[in-house]
Amino acid sequence: MGYPEPELGLVISYSYLWSEEAAAGHAEGRKTRPCAILLVIQQAEGEPPRVTVAPITHSSPHDPGVAIEIPTRVKRHLGLDGERSWVILDELNVFRWPGYDLRPIPDKGGRYDYGLLPPKFFESIVKKFSELRKEREFAHTSRDDEK
């Protein structure tokens, strides 16, 4: 099974690199986690698109104002576990699709994605993300280093 097409609201399996890990010199994230695609920017013809993803985590956000909790029904829809989870919106990874850090989901036949967030929930994420962008700087970690 190949890589999916990147699209807004797609939740992928990804080796997310937190900004503090990058600052400490790490090139890879500590673990693979679901991440939501927030932006897809098409490049010149023949060039891969640039994708921006937000991490999904079980850890309570350090600042509840920068995260959105994922409802249980959405987690079920995506096939994620039943633990509480949040989309963190003040820290992002940016990379050329498909990048080096997409990971197949165990027991999903080589799939790299969990599926799309429901439109209304994704709209709430985009609204919160847009509000936050007006208020503060974000940590953008580029994952395009050549390996």
N, C-alpha and C. Protein backbone atom coordinates (compact mmCIF):
# COMPACT_ATOMS: atom_id res chain seq x y z
N MET A 1 0.85 -1.18 0.00
CA MET A 1 0.00 0.00 0.00
C MET A 1 0.90 1.24 0.00
N GLY A 2 0.59 2.20 -0.83
CA GLY A 2 1.40 3.41 -0.94
C GLY A 2 0.96 4.49 0.03
N TYR A 3 1.63 5.62 -0.10
CA TYR A 3 1.30 6.77 0.73
C TYR A 3 -0.03 7.37 0.29
N PRO A 4 -0.82 7.87 1.23
CA PRO A 4 -2.05 8.55 0.84
C PRO A 4 -1.72 9.93 0.27
N GLU A 5 -2.67 10.51 -0.41
CA GLU A 5 -2.52 11.90 -0.84
C GLU A 5 -2.67 12.79 0.39
N PRO A 6 -1.82 13.79 0.55
CA PRO A 6 -1.99 14.67 1.71
C PRO A 6 -3.22 15.54 1.53
N GLU A 7 -4.05 15.59 2.54
CA GLU A 7 -5.22 16.47 2.48
C GLU A 7 -5.54 17.00 3.86
N LEU A 8 -6.18 18.14 3.87
CA LEU A 8 -6.53 18.79 5.12
C LEU A 8 -7.40 17.88 5.98
N GLY A 9 -7.03 17.77 7.25
CA GLY A 9 -7.79 16.96 8.19
C GLY A 9 -7.42 15.50 8.22
N LEU A 10 -6.49 15.06 7.35
CA LEU A 10 -6.06 13.67 7.37
C LEU A 10 -5.19 13.45 8.60
N VAL A 11 -5.43 12.37 9.32
CA VAL A 11 -4.61 12.03 10.49
C VAL A 11 -3.65 10.93 10.06
N ILE A 12 -2.36 11.23 10.19
CA ILE A 12 -1.32 10.32 9.74
C ILE A 12 -0.54 9.76 10.93
N SER A 13 0.16 8.67 10.68
CA SER A 13 1.08 8.09 11.65
C SER A 13 2.47 8.66 11.33
N TYR A 14 3.07 9.34 12.32
CA TYR A 14 4.23 10.18 12.02
C TYR A 14 5.18 10.23 13.21
N SER A 15 6.46 10.23 12.94
CA SER A 15 7.49 10.38 13.98
C SER A 15 7.66 11.87 14.25
N TYR A 16 6.81 12.40 15.11
CA TYR A 16 6.77 13.84 15.39
C TYR A 16 7.96 14.26 16.23
N LEU A 17 8.61 15.35 15.82
CA LEU A 17 9.76 15.89 16.55
C LEU A 17 9.33 17.15 17.29
N TRP A 18 9.22 17.06 18.61
CA TRP A 18 8.88 18.23 19.43
C TRP A 18 10.00 19.25 19.35
N SER A 19 9.67 20.51 19.52
CA SER A 19 10.67 21.57 19.39
C SER A 19 11.79 21.42 20.42
N GLU A 20 11.48 20.97 21.64
CA GLU A 20 12.55 20.79 22.62
C GLU A 20 13.48 19.65 22.24
N GLU A 21 12.97 18.63 21.55
CA GLU A 21 13.81 17.55 21.05
C GLU A 21 14.74 18.08 19.96
N ALA A 22 14.19 18.88 19.05
CA ALA A 22 15.00 19.46 17.98
C ALA A 22 16.08 20.37 18.56
N ALA A 23 15.72 21.18 19.56
CA ALA A 23 16.70 22.08 20.20
C ALA A 23 17.81 21.31 20.89
N ALA A 24 17.50 20.09 21.33
CA ALA A 24 18.51 19.25 21.99
C ALA A 24 19.36 18.48 20.98
N GLY A 25 19.10 18.70 19.68
CA GLY A 25 19.91 18.07 18.64
C GLY A 25 19.36 16.77 18.08
N HIS A 26 18.17 16.37 18.50
CA HIS A 26 17.58 15.14 17.97
C HIS A 26 17.08 15.36 16.54
N ALA A 27 17.20 14.33 15.72
CA ALA A 27 16.73 14.42 14.34
C ALA A 27 15.42 13.66 14.15
N GLU A 28 15.06 12.80 15.10
CA GLU A 28 13.83 12.01 15.02
C GLU A 28 13.05 12.15 16.31
N GLY A 29 11.75 12.01 16.20
CA GLY A 29 10.91 12.04 17.39
C GLY A 29 11.13 10.79 18.23
N ARG A 30 10.76 10.89 19.50
CA ARG A 30 10.92 9.75 20.42
C ARG A 30 9.97 8.62 20.09
N LYS A 31 8.81 8.99 19.53
CA LYS A 31 7.83 7.94 19.21
C LYS A 31 6.96 8.38 18.05
N THR A 32 6.33 7.39 17.47
CA THR A 32 5.38 7.63 16.41
C THR A 32 4.04 7.96 17.05
N ARG A 33 3.37 8.97 16.49
CA ARG A 33 2.08 9.38 17.04
C ARG A 33 1.17 9.83 15.90
N PRO A 34 -0.12 9.84 16.15
CA PRO A 34 -1.03 10.43 15.17
C PRO A 34 -0.78 11.94 15.09
N CYS A 35 -0.87 12.48 13.91
CA CYS A 35 -0.75 13.91 13.68
C CYS A 35 -1.78 14.32 12.64
N ALA A 36 -2.34 15.50 12.83
CA ALA A 36 -3.37 16.01 11.91
C ALA A 36 -2.75 16.98 10.92
N ILE A 37 -3.04 16.80 9.64
CA ILE A 37 -2.56 17.72 8.62
C ILE A 37 -3.41 18.98 8.66
N LEU A 38 -2.72 20.13 8.93
CA LEU A 38 -3.41 21.42 9.01
C LEU A 38 -3.28 22.23 7.73
N LEU A 39 -2.16 22.10 7.05
CA LEU A 39 -1.91 22.86 5.82
C LEU A 39 -1.26 21.96 4.78
N VAL A 40 -1.64 22.15 3.54
CA VAL A 40 -0.98 21.51 2.40
C VAL A 40 -0.74 22.62 1.39
N ILE A 41 0.53 22.88 1.10
CA ILE A 41 0.87 23.96 0.16
C ILE A 41 1.49 23.32 -1.08
N GLN A 42 0.81 23.50 -2.20
CA GLN A 42 1.32 22.96 -3.46
C GLN A 42 2.53 23.79 -3.90
N GLN A 43 3.54 23.12 -4.40
CA GLN A 43 4.75 23.77 -4.86
C GLN A 43 4.73 23.84 -6.40
N ALA A 44 5.84 24.22 -6.97
CA ALA A 44 5.95 24.26 -8.43
C ALA A 44 5.69 22.87 -9.00
N GLU A 45 5.27 22.86 -10.24
CA GLU A 45 4.97 21.60 -10.91
C GLU A 45 6.15 20.64 -10.77
N GLY A 46 5.83 19.40 -10.41
CA GLY A 46 6.86 18.38 -10.25
C GLY A 46 7.49 18.34 -8.86
N GLU A 47 7.20 19.33 -8.04
CA GLU A 47 7.72 19.38 -6.67
C GLU A 47 6.67 18.83 -5.70
N PRO A 48 7.11 18.12 -4.66
CA PRO A 48 6.12 17.62 -3.69
C PRO A 48 5.54 18.76 -2.86
N PRO A 49 4.30 18.60 -2.41
CA PRO A 49 3.71 19.64 -1.57
C PRO A 49 4.39 19.72 -0.20
N ARG A 50 4.27 20.89 0.44
CA ARG A 50 4.75 21.07 1.82
C ARG A 50 3.55 20.91 2.73
N VAL A 51 3.75 20.12 3.76
CA VAL A 51 2.68 19.76 4.67
C VAL A 51 3.02 20.23 6.08
N THR A 52 2.03 20.75 6.78
CA THR A 52 2.19 21.15 8.17
C THR A 52 1.27 20.27 9.01
N VAL A 53 1.86 19.64 10.06
CA VAL A 53 1.08 18.76 10.92
C VAL A 53 1.14 19.21 12.36
N ALA A 54 0.05 18.93 13.07
CA ALA A 54 -0.04 19.18 14.50
C ALA A 54 -0.08 17.83 15.21
N PRO A 55 0.64 17.71 16.32
CA PRO A 55 0.67 16.43 17.04
C PRO A 55 -0.60 16.17 17.83
N ILE A 56 -0.89 14.90 17.98
CA ILE A 56 -1.97 14.44 18.84
C ILE A 56 -1.30 13.69 19.99
N THR A 57 -1.67 14.05 21.21
CA THR A 57 -1.00 13.47 22.38
C THR A 57 -1.99 13.13 23.48
N HIS A 58 -1.61 12.15 24.31
CA HIS A 58 -2.38 11.81 25.50
C HIS A 58 -2.06 12.76 26.66
N SER A 59 -0.91 13.42 26.60
CA SER A 59 -0.49 14.30 27.70
C SER A 59 -1.37 15.54 27.73
N SER A 60 -1.81 15.89 28.93
CA SER A 60 -2.59 17.12 29.08
C SER A 60 -1.75 18.29 28.59
N PRO A 61 -2.34 19.22 27.86
CA PRO A 61 -1.55 20.34 27.33
C PRO A 61 -1.02 21.23 28.44
N HIS A 62 0.20 21.74 28.25
CA HIS A 62 0.81 22.67 29.21
C HIS A 62 -0.01 23.94 29.32
N ASP A 63 -0.66 24.31 28.24
CA ASP A 63 -1.54 25.48 28.20
C ASP A 63 -2.83 25.03 27.50
N PRO A 64 -3.92 24.85 28.25
CA PRO A 64 -5.16 24.38 27.62
C PRO A 64 -5.65 25.28 26.49
N GLY A 65 -5.20 26.52 26.44
CA GLY A 65 -5.63 27.43 25.40
C GLY A 65 -5.02 27.16 24.03
N VAL A 66 -4.05 26.25 23.96
CA VAL A 66 -3.39 25.96 22.68
C VAL A 66 -3.72 24.56 22.15
N ALA A 67 -4.75 23.95 22.73
CA ALA A 67 -5.07 22.58 22.35
C ALA A 67 -6.59 22.40 22.26
N ILE A 68 -6.98 21.38 21.52
CA ILE A 68 -8.38 20.99 21.43
C ILE A 68 -8.46 19.51 21.75
N GLU A 69 -9.31 19.19 22.72
CA GLU A 69 -9.49 17.78 23.07
C GLU A 69 -10.30 17.08 21.97
N ILE A 70 -9.91 15.87 21.68
CA ILE A 70 -10.59 15.09 20.64
C ILE A 70 -11.74 14.33 21.28
N PRO A 71 -12.95 14.54 20.80
CA PRO A 71 -14.10 13.81 21.37
C PRO A 71 -13.96 12.29 21.17
N THR A 72 -14.54 11.55 22.10
CA THR A 72 -14.49 10.09 22.05
C THR A 72 -15.01 9.55 20.73
N ARG A 73 -16.10 10.13 20.23
CA ARG A 73 -16.68 9.62 18.98
C ARG A 73 -15.72 9.82 17.80
N VAL A 74 -14.94 10.90 17.82
CA VAL A 74 -13.95 11.14 16.76
C VAL A 74 -12.82 10.14 16.87
N LYS A 75 -12.38 9.88 18.09
CA LYS A 75 -11.32 8.88 18.29
C LYS A 75 -11.78 7.51 17.79
N ARG A 76 -13.02 7.16 18.10
CA ARG A 76 -13.56 5.88 17.61
C ARG A 76 -13.60 5.85 16.09
N HIS A 77 -14.05 6.94 15.48
CA HIS A 77 -14.14 7.07 14.02
C HIS A 77 -12.77 6.82 13.37
N LEU A 78 -11.70 7.31 14.01
CA LEU A 78 -10.35 7.16 13.47
C LEU A 78 -9.70 5.84 13.84
N GLY A 79 -10.28 5.12 14.78
CA GLY A 79 -9.68 3.86 15.23
C GLY A 79 -8.56 4.09 16.25
N LEU A 80 -8.61 5.23 16.94
CA LEU A 80 -7.61 5.51 17.98
C LEU A 80 -8.09 4.92 19.31
N ASP A 81 -7.18 4.87 20.29
CA ASP A 81 -7.53 4.30 21.58
C ASP A 81 -8.55 5.17 22.32
N GLY A 82 -9.02 4.70 23.47
CA GLY A 82 -10.06 5.39 24.21
C GLY A 82 -9.55 6.41 25.22
N GLU A 83 -8.24 6.58 25.35
CA GLU A 83 -7.70 7.55 26.30
C GLU A 83 -7.94 8.97 25.82
N ARG A 84 -7.99 9.91 26.77
CA ARG A 84 -8.15 11.32 26.39
C ARG A 84 -6.95 11.75 25.55
N SER A 85 -7.22 12.56 24.53
CA SER A 85 -6.16 13.05 23.64
C SER A 85 -6.47 14.47 23.20
N TRP A 86 -5.41 15.20 22.86
CA TRP A 86 -5.53 16.58 22.42
C TRP A 86 -4.74 16.80 21.14
N VAL A 87 -5.24 17.69 20.28
CA VAL A 87 -4.47 18.21 19.15
C VAL A 87 -3.79 19.46 19.69
N ILE A 88 -2.46 19.49 19.62
CA ILE A 88 -1.68 20.63 20.12
C ILE A 88 -1.45 21.58 18.94
N LEU A 89 -1.81 22.86 19.12
CA LEU A 89 -1.81 23.78 17.99
C LEU A 89 -0.73 24.86 18.02
N ASP A 90 0.12 24.87 19.05
CA ASP A 90 1.17 25.90 19.08
C ASP A 90 2.54 25.35 18.71
N GLU A 91 2.57 24.12 18.25
CA GLU A 91 3.81 23.49 17.86
C GLU A 91 3.54 22.60 16.65
N LEU A 92 4.33 22.77 15.59
CA LEU A 92 4.04 22.11 14.32
C LEU A 92 5.31 21.55 13.70
N ASN A 93 5.15 20.51 12.89
CA ASN A 93 6.23 20.03 12.03
C ASN A 93 5.84 20.33 10.59
N VAL A 94 6.84 20.72 9.79
CA VAL A 94 6.63 21.07 8.38
C VAL A 94 7.59 20.22 7.56
N PHE A 95 7.09 19.63 6.47
CA PHE A 95 7.94 18.77 5.64
C PHE A 95 7.39 18.63 4.24
N ARG A 96 8.28 18.21 3.32
CA ARG A 96 7.86 17.87 1.95
C ARG A 96 7.26 16.47 1.98
N TRP A 97 6.08 16.35 1.40
CA TRP A 97 5.36 15.07 1.38
C TRP A 97 6.03 14.08 0.45
N PRO A 98 6.19 12.82 0.82
CA PRO A 98 5.74 12.21 2.06
C PRO A 98 6.78 12.30 3.19
N GLY A 99 7.95 12.78 2.92
CA GLY A 99 8.95 12.93 3.98
C GLY A 99 9.53 11.59 4.41
N TYR A 100 10.40 11.68 5.39
CA TYR A 100 11.07 10.48 5.90
C TYR A 100 10.37 9.89 7.11
N ASP A 101 9.45 10.61 7.68
CA ASP A 101 8.98 10.26 9.01
C ASP A 101 7.55 9.72 9.08
N LEU A 102 6.91 9.48 7.94
CA LEU A 102 5.63 8.77 7.96
C LEU A 102 5.93 7.33 8.38
N ARG A 103 5.06 6.76 9.18
CA ARG A 103 5.25 5.39 9.65
C ARG A 103 3.98 4.58 9.40
N PRO A 104 4.14 3.32 8.98
CA PRO A 104 2.94 2.49 8.84
C PRO A 104 2.31 2.23 10.20
N ILE A 105 1.00 2.13 10.23
CA ILE A 105 0.27 1.86 11.46
C ILE A 105 0.29 0.35 11.69
N PRO A 106 0.74 -0.09 12.87
CA PRO A 106 0.76 -1.53 13.13
C PRO A 106 -0.64 -2.14 12.96
N ASP A 107 -0.68 -3.32 12.38
CA ASP A 107 -1.92 -4.07 12.19
C ASP A 107 -2.94 -3.38 11.28
N LYS A 108 -2.49 -2.49 10.40
CA LYS A 108 -3.41 -1.81 9.48
C LYS A 108 -3.03 -2.06 8.02
N GLY A 109 -2.31 -3.15 7.76
CA GLY A 109 -2.01 -3.54 6.40
C GLY A 109 -1.16 -2.56 5.61
N GLY A 110 -0.23 -1.88 6.29
CA GLY A 110 0.66 -0.96 5.60
C GLY A 110 0.10 0.44 5.43
N ARG A 111 -1.05 0.74 6.03
CA ARG A 111 -1.62 2.09 5.94
C ARG A 111 -0.80 3.08 6.76
N TYR A 112 -0.77 4.31 6.28
CA TYR A 112 -0.06 5.40 6.96
C TYR A 112 -1.02 6.42 7.56
N ASP A 113 -2.30 6.22 7.35
CA ASP A 113 -3.27 7.20 7.86
C ASP A 113 -4.41 6.50 8.59
N TYR A 114 -4.99 7.26 9.51
CA TYR A 114 -6.13 6.78 10.28
C TYR A 114 -7.45 7.20 9.64
N GLY A 115 -7.38 8.15 8.72
CA GLY A 115 -8.58 8.66 8.08
C GLY A 115 -8.70 10.16 8.30
N LEU A 116 -9.82 10.69 7.87
CA LEU A 116 -10.06 12.13 7.95
C LEU A 116 -10.83 12.50 9.22
N LEU A 117 -10.46 13.63 9.79
CA LEU A 117 -11.24 14.19 10.88
C LEU A 117 -12.60 14.60 10.33
N PRO A 118 -13.67 14.43 11.11
CA PRO A 118 -14.97 14.90 10.65
C PRO A 118 -14.92 16.40 10.36
N PRO A 119 -15.60 16.85 9.31
CA PRO A 119 -15.50 18.25 8.88
C PRO A 119 -15.77 19.28 9.98
N LYS A 120 -16.82 19.10 10.79
CA LYS A 120 -17.13 20.09 11.83
C LYS A 120 -16.01 20.16 12.86
N PHE A 121 -15.47 19.01 13.24
CA PHE A 121 -14.38 19.02 14.22
C PHE A 121 -13.14 19.66 13.61
N PHE A 122 -12.83 19.35 12.36
CA PHE A 122 -11.67 19.97 11.71
C PHE A 122 -11.86 21.48 11.61
N GLU A 123 -13.08 21.92 11.31
CA GLU A 123 -13.36 23.37 11.26
C GLU A 123 -13.06 24.03 12.60
N SER A 124 -13.38 23.35 13.70
CA SER A 124 -13.10 23.92 15.03
C SER A 124 -11.59 24.01 15.27
N ILE A 125 -10.84 23.06 14.75
CA ILE A 125 -9.38 23.10 14.86
C ILE A 125 -8.83 24.28 14.06
N VAL A 126 -9.29 24.43 12.83
CA VAL A 126 -8.82 25.52 11.97
C VAL A 126 -9.16 26.87 12.59
N LYS A 127 -10.35 27.00 13.16
CA LYS A 127 -10.74 28.26 13.80
C LYS A 127 -9.80 28.58 14.96
N LYS A 128 -9.55 27.61 15.82
CA LYS A 128 -8.66 27.80 16.97
C LYS A 128 -7.25 28.11 16.49
N PHE A 129 -6.78 27.40 15.48
CA PHE A 129 -5.45 27.61 14.92
C PHE A 129 -5.32 29.04 14.39
N SER A 130 -6.33 29.50 13.67
CA SER A 130 -6.31 30.86 13.11
C SER A 130 -6.28 31.91 14.22
N GLU A 131 -7.07 31.71 15.26
CA GLU A 131 -7.06 32.63 16.39
C GLU A 131 -5.68 32.68 17.06
N LEU A 132 -5.09 31.52 17.25
CA LEU A 132 -3.78 31.45 17.91
C LEU A 132 -2.69 32.12 17.07
N ARG A 133 -2.77 31.96 15.76
CA ARG A 133 -1.76 32.57 14.88
C ARG A 133 -1.74 34.08 15.00
N LYS A 134 -2.88 34.68 15.29
CA LYS A 134 -2.95 36.13 15.47
C LYS A 134 -2.34 36.57 16.79
N GLU A 135 -2.33 35.68 17.77
CA GLU A 135 -1.90 36.02 19.12
C GLU A 135 -0.43 35.75 19.42
N ARG A 136 0.16 34.76 18.78
CA ARG A 136 1.48 34.31 19.21
C ARG A 136 2.28 33.67 18.08
N GLU A 137 3.56 33.48 18.38
CA GLU A 137 4.45 32.74 17.48
C GLU A 137 4.31 31.25 17.76
N PHE A 138 4.51 30.46 16.75
CA PHE A 138 4.45 29.01 16.90
C PHE A 138 5.84 28.43 16.74
N ALA A 139 6.03 27.26 17.31
CA ALA A 139 7.26 26.50 17.08
C ALA A 139 7.03 25.69 15.79
N HIS A 140 7.78 26.01 14.75
CA HIS A 140 7.73 25.28 13.48
C HIS A 140 9.04 24.51 13.34
N THR A 141 8.98 23.21 13.37
CA THR A 141 10.18 22.41 13.22
C THR A 141 10.18 21.83 11.80
N SER A 142 11.18 22.23 11.01
CA SER A 142 11.29 21.71 9.65
C SER A 142 11.88 20.31 9.71
N ARG A 143 11.27 19.39 8.99
CA ARG A 143 11.73 18.00 8.97
C ARG A 143 12.32 17.63 7.62
N ASP A 144 12.76 18.61 6.85
CA ASP A 144 13.24 18.36 5.50
C ASP A 144 14.73 18.11 5.38
N ASP A 145 15.41 17.88 6.51
CA ASP A 145 16.85 17.63 6.38
C ASP A 145 17.08 16.39 5.56
N GLU A 146 18.06 16.44 4.71
CA GLU A 146 18.35 15.32 3.81
C GLU A 146 19.06 14.23 4.59
N LYS A 147 18.61 13.00 4.41
CA LYS A 147 19.24 11.86 5.10
C LYS A 147 19.91 10.97 4.10
